[in-house]
Amino acid sequence: METVIGMTAIAVAILIGFGALGVGIGMGLLGGRFLEGAARQPELAPMLQVKMFIVVALLDAVAMIGVGIALFFAFANPFIGQLQAATGAGG
């Protein structure tokens, strides 16, 4: 059972870490492209800014979903119940 808990902790760390890494890269690319677009056509900057914030919110939502799934596995691990049922250990 300790192996399942340990592997789950590693999976949770990888899930949160790669989620944060992906969101960071995505926001960096998004911000850079926004600045390029605003520099090329300053009159479109307010419209581009609104769209940029919408996409930033969607990027953050992806990261928060990953954190929610990771917390589910960290605190309500379904694999431990399956392991106990398979080995016949009750508790």
PDB file of N, CA and C in Angstrom:
ATOM      1  N   MET A   1       0.821  -1.191   0.000  1.00  0.00           N
ATOM      2  CA  MET A   1       0.000   0.000   0.000  1.00  0.00           C
ATOM      3  C   MET A   1       0.866   1.255   0.000  1.00  0.00           C
ATOM      4  N   GLU A   2       2.026   1.180   0.621  1.00  0.00           N
ATOM      5  CA  GLU A   2       2.907   2.344   0.651  1.00  0.00           C
ATOM      6  C   GLU A   2       3.388   2.697  -0.750  1.00  0.00           C
ATOM      7  N   THR A   3       3.553   1.672  -1.594  1.00  0.00           N
ATOM      8  CA  THR A   3       3.979   1.926  -2.974  1.00  0.00           C
ATOM      9  C   THR A   3       2.914   2.719  -3.723  1.00  0.00           C
ATOM     10  N   VAL A   4       1.647   2.348  -3.523  1.00  0.00           N
ATOM     11  CA  VAL A   4       0.560   3.064  -4.195  1.00  0.00           C
ATOM     12  C   VAL A   4       0.516   4.515  -3.726  1.00  0.00           C
ATOM     13  N   ILE A   5       0.668   4.737  -2.442  1.00  0.00           N
ATOM     14  CA  ILE A   5       0.648   6.103  -1.914  1.00  0.00           C
ATOM     15  C   ILE A   5       1.839   6.899  -2.438  1.00  0.00           C
ATOM     16  N   GLY A   6       3.010   6.273  -2.480  1.00  0.00           N
ATOM     17  CA  GLY A   6       4.199   6.959  -2.984  1.00  0.00           C
ATOM     18  C   GLY A   6       4.082   7.306  -4.457  1.00  0.00           C
ATOM     19  N   MET A   7       3.604   6.367  -5.253  1.00  0.00           N
ATOM     20  CA  MET A   7       3.439   6.637  -6.686  1.00  0.00           C
ATOM     21  C   MET A   7       2.364   7.693  -6.930  1.00  0.00           C
ATOM     22  N   THR A   8       1.330   7.691  -6.100  1.00  0.00           N
ATOM     23  CA  THR A   8       0.297   8.713  -6.220  1.00  0.00           C
ATOM     24  C   THR A   8       0.868  10.089  -5.897  1.00  0.00           C
ATOM     25  N   ALA A   9       1.721  10.173  -4.882  1.00  0.00           N
ATOM     26  CA  ALA A   9       2.347  11.458  -4.546  1.00  0.00           C
ATOM     27  C   ALA A   9       3.223  11.950  -5.688  1.00  0.00           C
ATOM     28  N   ILE A  10       3.951  11.045  -6.319  1.00  0.00           N
ATOM     29  CA  ILE A  10       4.776  11.442  -7.474  1.00  0.00           C
ATOM     30  C   ILE A  10       3.893  11.902  -8.630  1.00  0.00           C
ATOM     31  N   ALA A  11       2.801  11.185  -8.881  1.00  0.00           N
ATOM     32  CA  ALA A  11       1.883  11.566  -9.961  1.00  0.00           C
ATOM     33  C   ALA A  11       1.250  12.924  -9.699  1.00  0.00           C
ATOM     34  N   VAL A  12       0.898  13.192  -8.443  1.00  0.00           N
ATOM     35  CA  VAL A  12       0.315  14.485  -8.086  1.00  0.00           C
ATOM     36  C   VAL A  12       1.325  15.603  -8.333  1.00  0.00           C
ATOM     37  N   ALA A  13       2.574  15.378  -7.955  1.00  0.00           N
ATOM     38  CA  ALA A  13       3.612  16.393  -8.162  1.00  0.00           C
ATOM     39  C   ALA A  13       3.848  16.642  -9.642  1.00  0.00           C
ATOM     40  N   ILE A  14       3.870  15.583 -10.428  1.00  0.00           N
ATOM     41  CA  ILE A  14       4.065  15.741 -11.872  1.00  0.00           C
ATOM     42  C   ILE A  14       2.877  16.460 -12.495  1.00  0.00           C
ATOM     43  N   LEU A  15       1.674  16.116 -12.070  1.00  0.00           N
ATOM     44  CA  LEU A  15       0.468  16.740 -12.611  1.00  0.00           C
ATOM     45  C   LEU A  15       0.453  18.241 -12.339  1.00  0.00           C
ATOM     46  N   ILE A  16       0.724  18.627 -11.118  1.00  0.00           N
ATOM     47  CA  ILE A  16       0.726  20.053 -10.779  1.00  0.00           C
ATOM     48  C   ILE A  16       1.905  20.762 -11.446  1.00  0.00           C
ATOM     49  N   GLY A  17       3.070  20.125 -11.454  1.00  0.00           N
ATOM     50  CA  GLY A  17       4.255  20.757 -12.041  1.00  0.00           C
ATOM     51  C   GLY A  17       4.127  20.985 -13.532  1.00  0.00           C
ATOM     52  N   PHE A  18       3.704  19.955 -14.271  1.00  0.00           N
ATOM     53  CA  PHE A  18       3.561  20.133 -15.714  1.00  0.00           C
ATOM     54  C   PHE A  18       2.411  21.079 -16.047  1.00  0.00           C
ATOM     55  N   GLY A  19       1.360  21.080 -15.218  1.00  0.00           N
ATOM     56  CA  GLY A  19       0.277  22.040 -15.436  1.00  0.00           C
ATOM     57  C   GLY A  19       0.761  23.467 -15.284  1.00  0.00           C
ATOM     58  N   ALA A  20       1.549  23.721 -14.246  1.00  0.00           N
ATOM     59  CA  ALA A  20       2.088  25.065 -14.036  1.00  0.00           C
ATOM     60  C   ALA A  20       3.077  25.439 -15.132  1.00  0.00           C
ATOM     61  N   LEU A  21       3.889  24.480 -15.558  1.00  0.00           N
ATOM     62  CA  LEU A  21       4.848  24.746 -16.628  1.00  0.00           C
ATOM     63  C   LEU A  21       4.134  25.088 -17.935  1.00  0.00           C
ATOM     64  N   GLY A  22       3.112  24.317 -18.269  1.00  0.00           N
ATOM     65  CA  GLY A  22       2.363  24.574 -19.492  1.00  0.00           C
ATOM     66  C   GLY A  22       1.655  25.916 -19.471  1.00  0.00           C
ATOM     67  N   VAL A  23       1.060  26.255 -18.342  1.00  0.00           N
ATOM     68  CA  VAL A  23       0.373  27.546 -18.233  1.00  0.00           C
ATOM     69  C   VAL A  23       1.382  28.694 -18.307  1.00  0.00           C
ATOM     70  N   GLY A  24       2.542  28.515 -17.679  1.00  0.00           N
ATOM     71  CA  GLY A  24       3.567  29.557 -17.739  1.00  0.00           C
ATOM     72  C   GLY A  24       4.060  29.796 -19.152  1.00  0.00           C
ATOM     73  N   ILE A  25       4.319  28.726 -19.875  1.00  0.00           N
ATOM     74  CA  ILE A  25       4.756  28.867 -21.269  1.00  0.00           C
ATOM     75  C   ILE A  25       3.649  29.483 -22.108  1.00  0.00           C
ATOM     76  N   GLY A  26       2.426  29.024 -21.907  1.00  0.00           N
ATOM     77  CA  GLY A  26       1.302  29.565 -22.676  1.00  0.00           C
ATOM     78  C   GLY A  26       1.072  31.042 -22.425  1.00  0.00           C
ATOM     79  N   MET A  27       1.172  31.459 -21.170  1.00  0.00           N
ATOM     80  CA  MET A  27       0.981  32.885 -20.866  1.00  0.00           C
ATOM     81  C   MET A  27       2.128  33.722 -21.411  1.00  0.00           C
ATOM     82  N   GLY A  28       3.329  33.171 -21.388  1.00  0.00           N
ATOM     83  CA  GLY A  28       4.460  33.889 -21.969  1.00  0.00           C
ATOM     84  C   GLY A  28       4.286  34.107 -23.460  1.00  0.00           C
ATOM     85  N   LEU A  29       3.890  33.056 -24.171  1.00  0.00           N
ATOM     86  CA  LEU A  29       3.644  33.191 -25.608  1.00  0.00           C
ATOM     87  C   LEU A  29       2.492  34.150 -25.883  1.00  0.00           C
ATOM     88  N   LEU A  30       1.439  34.026 -25.108  1.00  0.00           N
ATOM     89  CA  LEU A  30       0.272  34.884 -25.288  1.00  0.00           C
ATOM     90  C   LEU A  30       0.618  36.347 -25.051  1.00  0.00           C
ATOM     91  N   GLY A  31       1.341  36.625 -23.982  1.00  0.00           N
ATOM     92  CA  GLY A  31       1.719  38.011 -23.689  1.00  0.00           C
ATOM     93  C   GLY A  31       2.633  38.592 -24.756  1.00  0.00           C
ATOM     94  N   GLY A  32       3.554  37.783 -25.237  1.00  0.00           N
ATOM     95  CA  GLY A  32       4.446  38.258 -26.299  1.00  0.00           C
ATOM     96  C   GLY A  32       3.700  38.568 -27.576  1.00  0.00           C
ATOM     97  N   ARG A  33       2.780  37.695 -27.948  1.00  0.00           N
ATOM     98  CA  ARG A  33       1.998  37.944 -29.169  1.00  0.00           C
ATOM     99  C   ARG A  33       1.065  39.146 -29.000  1.00  0.00           C
ATOM    100  N   PHE A  34       0.543  39.318 -27.789  1.00  0.00           N
ATOM    101  CA  PHE A  34      -0.293  40.498 -27.539  1.00  0.00           C
ATOM    102  C   PHE A  34       0.519  41.774 -27.713  1.00  0.00           C
ATOM    103  N   LEU A  35       1.724  41.792 -27.151  1.00  0.00           N
ATOM    104  CA  LEU A  35       2.562  42.982 -27.283  1.00  0.00           C
ATOM    105  C   LEU A  35       2.942  43.240 -28.730  1.00  0.00           C
ATOM    106  N   GLU A  36       3.215  42.189 -29.495  1.00  0.00           N
ATOM    107  CA  GLU A  36       3.521  42.360 -30.916  1.00  0.00           C
ATOM    108  C   GLU A  36       2.323  42.940 -31.659  1.00  0.00           C
ATOM    109  N   GLY A  37       1.140  42.391 -31.391  1.00  0.00           N
ATOM    110  CA  GLY A  37      -0.057  42.889 -32.067  1.00  0.00           C
ATOM    111  C   GLY A  37      -0.389  44.313 -31.675  1.00  0.00           C
ATOM    112  N   ALA A  38      -0.223  44.659 -30.408  1.00  0.00           N
ATOM    113  CA  ALA A  38      -0.506  46.022 -29.957  1.00  0.00           C
ATOM    114  C   ALA A  38       0.515  47.006 -30.514  1.00  0.00           C
ATOM    115  N   ALA A  39       1.751  46.563 -30.694  1.00  0.00           N
ATOM    116  CA  ALA A  39       2.773  47.452 -31.259  1.00  0.00           C
ATOM    117  C   ALA A  39       2.531  47.676 -32.749  1.00  0.00           C
ATOM    118  N   ARG A  40       2.041  46.672 -33.448  1.00  0.00           N
ATOM    119  CA  ARG A  40       1.791  46.811 -34.884  1.00  0.00           C
ATOM    120  C   ARG A  40       0.555  47.664 -35.164  1.00  0.00           C
ATOM    121  N   GLN A  41      -0.498  47.456 -34.372  1.00  0.00           N
ATOM    122  CA  GLN A  41      -1.737  48.204 -34.587  1.00  0.00           C
ATOM    123  C   GLN A  41      -2.256  48.689 -33.235  1.00  0.00           C
ATOM    124  N   PRO A  42      -1.779  49.843 -32.786  1.00  0.00           N
ATOM    125  CA  PRO A  42      -2.168  50.338 -31.452  1.00  0.00           C
ATOM    126  C   PRO A  42      -3.672  50.599 -31.305  1.00  0.00           C
ATOM    127  N   GLU A  43      -4.361  50.866 -32.407  1.00  0.00           N
ATOM    128  CA  GLU A  43      -5.794  51.141 -32.303  1.00  0.00           C
ATOM    129  C   GLU A  43      -6.589  49.881 -31.948  1.00  0.00           C
ATOM    130  N   LEU A  44      -6.021  48.707 -32.155  1.00  0.00           N
ATOM    131  CA  LEU A  44      -6.702  47.461 -31.809  1.00  0.00           C
ATOM    132  C   LEU A  44      -6.322  46.939 -30.417  1.00  0.00           C
ATOM    133  N   ALA A  45      -5.482  47.656 -29.705  1.00  0.00           N
ATOM    134  CA  ALA A  45      -4.991  47.185 -28.409  1.00  0.00           C
ATOM    135  C   ALA A  45      -6.109  46.897 -27.405  1.00  0.00           C
ATOM    136  N   PRO A  46      -7.136  47.749 -27.258  1.00  0.00           N
ATOM    137  CA  PRO A  46      -8.194  47.400 -26.281  1.00  0.00           C
ATOM    138  C   PRO A  46      -8.926  46.100 -26.625  1.00  0.00           C
ATOM    139  N   MET A  47      -9.211  45.881 -27.906  1.00  0.00           N
ATOM    140  CA  MET A  47      -9.893  44.651 -28.309  1.00  0.00           C
ATOM    141  C   MET A  47      -8.991  43.437 -28.086  1.00  0.00           C
ATOM    142  N   LEU A  48      -7.720  43.585 -28.426  1.00  0.00           N
ATOM    143  CA  LEU A  48      -6.776  42.489 -28.213  1.00  0.00           C
ATOM    144  C   LEU A  48      -6.602  42.187 -26.725  1.00  0.00           C
ATOM    145  N   GLN A  49      -6.642  43.229 -25.909  1.00  0.00           N
ATOM    146  CA  GLN A  49      -6.462  43.035 -24.472  1.00  0.00           C
ATOM    147  C   GLN A  49      -7.627  42.243 -23.882  1.00  0.00           C
ATOM    148  N   VAL A  50      -8.838  42.535 -24.319  1.00  0.00           N
ATOM    149  CA  VAL A  50     -10.005  41.791 -23.832  1.00  0.00           C
ATOM    150  C   VAL A  50      -9.886  40.316 -24.211  1.00  0.00           C
ATOM    151  N   LYS A  51      -9.502  40.068 -25.459  1.00  0.00           N
ATOM    152  CA  LYS A  51      -9.364  38.675 -25.899  1.00  0.00           C
ATOM    153  C   LYS A  51      -8.223  37.979 -25.177  1.00  0.00           C
ATOM    154  N   MET A  52      -7.158  38.718 -24.899  1.00  0.00           N
ATOM    155  CA  MET A  52      -6.037  38.130 -24.182  1.00  0.00           C
ATOM    156  C   MET A  52      -6.474  37.708 -22.778  1.00  0.00           C
ATOM    157  N   PHE A  53      -7.237  38.546 -22.093  1.00  0.00           N
ATOM    158  CA  PHE A  53      -7.680  38.202 -20.737  1.00  0.00           C
ATOM    159  C   PHE A  53      -8.627  37.011 -20.744  1.00  0.00           C
ATOM    160  N   ILE A  54      -9.442  36.862 -21.777  1.00  0.00           N
ATOM    161  CA  ILE A  54     -10.320  35.695 -21.881  1.00  0.00           C
ATOM    162  C   ILE A  54      -9.495  34.423 -22.010  1.00  0.00           C
ATOM    163  N   VAL A  55      -8.466  34.474 -22.855  1.00  0.00           N
ATOM    164  CA  VAL A  55      -7.619  33.296 -23.038  1.00  0.00           C
ATOM    165  C   VAL A  55      -6.805  33.010 -21.774  1.00  0.00           C
ATOM    166  N   VAL A  56      -6.352  34.049 -21.070  1.00  0.00           N
ATOM    167  CA  VAL A  56      -5.632  33.851 -19.811  1.00  0.00           C
ATOM    168  C   VAL A  56      -6.537  33.155 -18.792  1.00  0.00           C
ATOM    169  N   ALA A  57      -7.801  33.546 -18.756  1.00  0.00           N
ATOM    170  CA  ALA A  57      -8.737  32.895 -17.834  1.00  0.00           C
ATOM    171  C   ALA A  57      -8.920  31.423 -18.194  1.00  0.00           C
ATOM    172  N   LEU A  58      -8.981  31.112 -19.487  1.00  0.00           N
ATOM    173  CA  LEU A  58      -9.109  29.719 -19.901  1.00  0.00           C
ATOM    174  C   LEU A  58      -7.847  28.922 -19.562  1.00  0.00           C
ATOM    175  N   LEU A  59      -6.687  29.533 -19.726  1.00  0.00           N
ATOM    176  CA  LEU A  59      -5.435  28.869 -19.351  1.00  0.00           C
ATOM    177  C   LEU A  59      -5.401  28.586 -17.851  1.00  0.00           C
ATOM    178  N   ASP A  60      -5.816  29.546 -17.059  1.00  0.00           N
ATOM    179  CA  ASP A  60      -5.843  29.337 -15.616  1.00  0.00           C
ATOM    180  C   ASP A  60      -6.852  28.253 -15.232  1.00  0.00           C
ATOM    181  N   ALA A  61      -7.950  28.178 -15.963  1.00  0.00           N
ATOM    182  CA  ALA A  61      -8.940  27.146 -15.669  1.00  0.00           C
ATOM    183  C   ALA A  61      -8.350  25.759 -15.894  1.00  0.00           C
ATOM    184  N   VAL A  62      -7.547  25.605 -16.928  1.00  0.00           N
ATOM    185  CA  VAL A  62      -6.908  24.310 -17.184  1.00  0.00           C
ATOM    186  C   VAL A  62      -5.995  23.936 -16.018  1.00  0.00           C
ATOM    187  N   ALA A  63      -5.223  24.904 -15.528  1.00  0.00           N
ATOM    188  CA  ALA A  63      -4.334  24.630 -14.399  1.00  0.00           C
ATOM    189  C   ALA A  63      -5.132  24.297 -13.138  1.00  0.00           C
ATOM    190  N   MET A  64      -6.220  24.986 -12.892  1.00  0.00           N
ATOM    191  CA  MET A  64      -7.020  24.731 -11.693  1.00  0.00           C
ATOM    192  C   MET A  64      -7.712  23.373 -11.770  1.00  0.00           C
ATOM    193  N   ILE A  65      -8.106  22.940 -12.956  1.00  0.00           N
ATOM    194  CA  ILE A  65      -8.674  21.598 -13.103  1.00  0.00           C
ATOM    195  C   ILE A  65      -7.613  20.553 -12.762  1.00  0.00           C
ATOM    196  N   GLY A  66      -6.386  20.778 -13.226  1.00  0.00           N
ATOM    197  CA  GLY A  66      -5.285  19.871 -12.890  1.00  0.00           C
ATOM    198  C   GLY A  66      -5.024  19.824 -11.397  1.00  0.00           C
ATOM    199  N   VAL A  67      -5.068  20.973 -10.743  1.00  0.00           N
ATOM    200  CA  VAL A  67      -4.869  21.016  -9.294  1.00  0.00           C
ATOM    201  C   VAL A  67      -6.010  20.288  -8.581  1.00  0.00           C
ATOM    202  N   GLY A  68      -7.226  20.454  -9.065  1.00  0.00           N
ATOM    203  CA  GLY A  68      -8.369  19.763  -8.462  1.00  0.00           C
ATOM    204  C   GLY A  68      -8.246  18.254  -8.579  1.00  0.00           C
ATOM    205  N   ILE A  69      -7.847  17.768  -9.738  1.00  0.00           N
ATOM    206  CA  ILE A  69      -7.653  16.331  -9.925  1.00  0.00           C
ATOM    207  C   ILE A  69      -6.513  15.834  -9.044  1.00  0.00           C
ATOM    208  N   ALA A  70      -5.432  16.601  -8.956  1.00  0.00           N
ATOM    209  CA  ALA A  70      -4.299  16.210  -8.119  1.00  0.00           C
ATOM    210  C   ALA A  70      -4.707  16.143  -6.651  1.00  0.00           C
ATOM    211  N   LEU A  71      -5.485  17.107  -6.178  1.00  0.00           N
ATOM    212  CA  LEU A  71      -5.937  17.072  -4.789  1.00  0.00           C
ATOM    213  C   LEU A  71      -6.879  15.903  -4.535  1.00  0.00           C
ATOM    214  N   PHE A  72      -7.684  15.576  -5.533  1.00  0.00           N
ATOM    215  CA  PHE A  72      -8.547  14.396  -5.392  1.00  0.00           C
ATOM    216  C   PHE A  72      -7.711  13.142  -5.177  1.00  0.00           C
ATOM    217  N   PHE A  73      -6.678  12.968  -5.983  1.00  0.00           N
ATOM    218  CA  PHE A  73      -5.831  11.787  -5.829  1.00  0.00           C
ATOM    219  C   PHE A  73      -5.017  11.837  -4.545  1.00  0.00           C
ATOM    220  N   ALA A  74      -4.688  13.029  -4.083  1.00  0.00           N
ATOM    221  CA  ALA A  74      -3.885  13.130  -2.863  1.00  0.00           C
ATOM    222  C   ALA A  74      -4.695  12.807  -1.611  1.00  0.00           C
ATOM    223  N   PHE A  75      -5.966  13.211  -1.578  1.00  0.00           N
ATOM    224  CA  PHE A  75      -6.743  13.073  -0.352  1.00  0.00           C
ATOM    225  C   PHE A  75      -7.855  12.031  -0.407  1.00  0.00           C
ATOM    226  N   ALA A  76      -8.296  11.650  -1.578  1.00  0.00           N
ATOM    227  CA  ALA A  76      -9.362  10.640  -1.694  1.00  0.00           C
ATOM    228  C   ALA A  76      -8.940   9.633  -2.756  1.00  0.00           C
ATOM    229  N   ASN A  77      -7.833   8.978  -2.509  1.00  0.00           N
ATOM    230  CA  ASN A  77      -7.217   8.109  -3.502  1.00  0.00           C
ATOM    231  C   ASN A  77      -8.068   6.862  -3.752  1.00  0.00           C
ATOM    232  N   PRO A  78      -8.625   6.721  -4.962  1.00  0.00           N
ATOM    233  CA  PRO A  78      -9.443   5.527  -5.241  1.00  0.00           C
ATOM    234  C   PRO A  78      -8.598   4.270  -5.429  1.00  0.00           C
ATOM    235  N   PHE A  79      -7.316   4.426  -5.687  1.00  0.00           N
ATOM    236  CA  PHE A  79      -6.468   3.262  -5.931  1.00  0.00           C
ATOM    237  C   PHE A  79      -6.209   2.457  -4.656  1.00  0.00           C
ATOM    238  N   ILE A  80      -6.257   3.111  -3.511  1.00  0.00           N
ATOM    239  CA  ILE A  80      -6.034   2.394  -2.253  1.00  0.00           C
ATOM    240  C   ILE A  80      -7.194   1.429  -1.993  1.00  0.00           C
ATOM    241  N   GLY A  81      -8.413   1.872  -2.266  1.00  0.00           N
ATOM    242  CA  GLY A  81      -9.567   0.989  -2.102  1.00  0.00           C
ATOM    243  C   GLY A  81      -9.515  -0.200  -3.043  1.00  0.00           C
ATOM    244  N   GLN A  82      -9.097   0.022  -4.282  1.00  0.00           N
ATOM    245  CA  GLN A  82      -8.956  -1.079  -5.227  1.00  0.00           C
ATOM    246  C   GLN A  82      -7.869  -2.048  -4.787  1.00  0.00           C
ATOM    247  N   LEU A  83      -6.773  -1.520  -4.256  1.00  0.00           N
ATOM    248  CA  LEU A  83      -5.690  -2.365  -3.777  1.00  0.00           C
ATOM    249  C   LEU A  83      -6.139  -3.218  -2.592  1.00  0.00           C
ATOM    250  N   GLN A  84      -6.883  -2.608  -1.686  1.00  0.00           N
ATOM    251  CA  GLN A  84      -7.382  -3.359  -0.522  1.00  0.00           C
ATOM    252  C   GLN A  84      -8.382  -4.440  -0.950  1.00  0.00           C
ATOM    253  N   ALA A  85      -9.211  -4.133  -1.941  1.00  0.00           N
ATOM    254  CA  ALA A  85     -10.176  -5.136  -2.419  1.00  0.00           C
ATOM    255  C   ALA A  85      -9.458  -6.282  -3.133  1.00  0.00           C
ATOM    256  N   ALA A  86      -8.393  -5.952  -3.863  1.00  0.00           N
ATOM    257  CA  ALA A  86      -7.676  -6.996  -4.604  1.00  0.00           C
ATOM    258  C   ALA A  86      -6.877  -7.905  -3.692  1.00  0.00           C
ATOM    259  N   THR A  87      -6.319  -7.334  -2.635  1.00  0.00           N
ATOM    260  CA  THR A  87      -5.486  -8.148  -1.726  1.00  0.00           C
ATOM    261  C   THR A  87      -6.296  -8.762  -0.590  1.00  0.00           C
ATOM    262  N   GLY A  88      -7.522  -8.334  -0.441  1.00  0.00           N
ATOM    263  CA  GLY A  88      -8.364  -8.892   0.626  1.00  0.00           C
ATOM    264  C   GLY A  88      -8.120  -8.232   1.969  1.00  0.00           C
ATOM    265  N   ALA A  89      -7.317  -7.181   1.997  1.00  0.00           N
ATOM    266  CA  ALA A  89      -7.054  -6.476   3.262  1.00  0.00           C
ATOM    267  C   ALA A  89      -8.210  -5.532   3.530  1.00  0.00           C
ATOM    268  N   GLY A  90      -8.798  -5.641   4.657  1.00  0.00           N
ATOM    269  CA  GLY A  90      -9.911  -4.763   5.026  1.00  0.00           C
ATOM    270  C   GLY A  90      -9.459  -3.673   5.952  1.00  0.00           C
ATOM    271  N   GLY A  91     -10.312  -2.686   6.113  1.00  0.00           N
ATOM    272  CA  GLY A  91      -9.905  -1.696   7.076  1.00  0.00           C
ATOM    273  C   GLY A  91     -10.684  -0.484   7.052  1.00  0.00           C
TER     274      GLY A  91
END
